[in-house]
Amino acid sequence: MLISPIFRFRLISFLEGVSYIILLFIAMPIKYFGDNPIPVKLVGMGHGVLFVLFMILLFESMSKHKWGLVFSIKLFICSLLPFGTFYMDKKLKTYHN
């Protein structure tokens, strides 16, 4: 199952989306309202690694499945929006076997 580029991309995009939500809605308030920057450093590092993996897997899936540039840009934009990766997953289910 992990062999499929779509499955790997969907898995990493889900984890990246969860880390983004945690960063925005848990770690950032702790930093600014609780005066504790540690959660942002920890979650931010994990989120950064997941985002890099997301981009690598986006390019891999784009080339393997011959996704158009417009579709790939939409996927990238969804990754920048809170909850965007969860919306994007609905579109990707049609590609996953």
Protein backbone atom coordinates (compact mmCIF):
# COMPACT_ATOMS: atom_id res chain seq x y z
CA MET A 1 0.00 0.00 0.00
CA LEU A 2 2.83 2.43 0.77
CA ILE A 3 4.22 1.75 -2.69
CA SER A 4 1.53 3.89 -4.33
CA PRO A 5 2.66 7.52 -4.80
CA ILE A 6 -0.94 8.69 -4.32
CA PHE A 7 -1.22 6.86 -1.01
CA ARG A 8 2.08 8.35 0.23
CA PHE A 9 1.03 11.80 -0.94
CA ARG A 10 -2.38 11.53 0.74
CA LEU A 11 -0.81 10.28 3.98
CA ILE A 12 1.78 13.06 4.14
CA SER A 13 -0.77 15.71 3.13
CA PHE A 14 -3.04 14.54 5.98
CA LEU A 15 -0.19 14.66 8.50
CA GLU A 16 0.95 18.03 7.17
CA GLY A 17 -2.59 19.37 7.51
CA VAL A 18 -2.89 18.11 11.08
CA SER A 19 0.48 19.61 12.01
CA TYR A 20 -0.60 22.95 10.47
CA ILE A 21 -3.82 22.98 12.51
CA ILE A 22 -1.89 22.15 15.69
CA LEU A 23 0.65 24.86 14.90
CA LEU A 24 -1.97 27.54 14.23
CA PHE A 25 -4.59 26.74 16.83
CA ILE A 26 -2.61 25.23 19.71
CA ALA A 27 1.09 26.10 19.54
CA MET A 28 0.71 29.73 18.40
CA PRO A 29 -1.82 30.65 21.14
CA ILE A 30 0.47 29.01 23.72
CA LYS A 31 3.33 31.12 22.41
CA TYR A 32 1.51 34.43 22.37
CA PHE A 33 -0.95 34.06 25.24
CA GLY A 34 1.11 31.76 27.46
CA ASP A 35 4.48 33.31 26.68
CA ASN A 36 5.98 29.90 25.86
CA PRO A 37 7.71 29.58 22.47
CA ILE A 38 8.72 25.92 22.90
CA PRO A 39 5.57 24.36 21.32
CA VAL A 40 5.97 26.52 18.20
CA LYS A 41 9.59 25.43 17.83
CA LEU A 42 8.75 21.75 18.19
CA VAL A 43 5.56 21.66 16.13
CA GLY A 44 6.99 24.13 13.63
CA MET A 45 9.99 21.89 12.95
CA GLY A 46 7.76 18.85 12.42
CA HIS A 47 5.43 20.83 10.20
CA GLY A 48 8.37 22.12 8.15
CA VAL A 49 9.68 18.60 7.57
CA LEU A 50 6.19 17.40 6.60
CA PHE A 51 5.78 20.34 4.21
CA VAL A 52 9.06 19.51 2.48
CA LEU A 53 7.93 15.88 2.16
CA PHE A 54 4.59 17.14 0.86
CA MET A 55 6.31 19.10 -1.90
CA ILE A 56 8.56 16.18 -2.86
CA LEU A 57 5.59 13.82 -3.04
CA LEU A 58 3.53 16.40 -4.93
CA PHE A 59 6.20 16.51 -7.64
CA GLU A 60 6.51 12.73 -7.63
CA SER A 61 2.76 12.25 -8.01
CA MET A 62 2.53 15.05 -10.55
CA SER A 63 5.10 13.43 -12.81
CA LYS A 64 3.96 9.82 -12.31
CA HIS A 65 0.26 10.53 -12.87
CA LYS A 66 0.72 13.33 -15.39
CA TRP A 67 -1.24 15.86 -13.36
CA GLY A 68 -1.59 19.21 -15.06
CA LEU A 69 0.12 22.30 -13.75
CA VAL A 70 -3.20 23.94 -12.78
CA PHE A 71 -4.30 20.92 -10.71
CA SER A 72 -0.89 20.74 -9.02
CA ILE A 73 -0.95 24.45 -8.20
CA LYS A 74 -4.40 24.03 -6.67
CA LEU A 75 -3.04 21.23 -4.48
CA PHE A 76 -0.15 23.47 -3.42
CA ILE A 77 -2.51 26.35 -2.58
CA CYS A 78 -4.69 23.99 -0.55
CA SER A 79 -1.64 23.12 1.53
CA LEU A 80 -1.27 26.78 2.50
CA LEU A 81 -4.83 27.08 3.80
CA PRO A 82 -5.95 25.75 7.17
CA PHE A 83 -8.07 22.63 6.55
CA GLY A 84 -7.13 22.85 2.84
CA THR A 85 -5.40 19.48 2.78
CA PHE A 86 -8.58 17.81 4.02
CA TYR A 87 -10.56 19.36 1.17
CA MET A 88 -7.81 18.34 -1.23
CA ASP A 89 -8.03 14.73 -0.05
CA LYS A 90 -11.54 14.46 -1.48
CA LYS A 91 -10.16 15.31 -4.92
CA LEU A 92 -7.32 12.82 -4.58
CA LYS A 93 -9.57 9.89 -3.67
CA THR A 94 -10.44 9.55 -7.36
CA TYR A 95 -6.75 8.83 -8.10
CA HIS A 96 -6.18 6.37 -5.27
CA ASN A 97 -6.85 2.72 -6.07
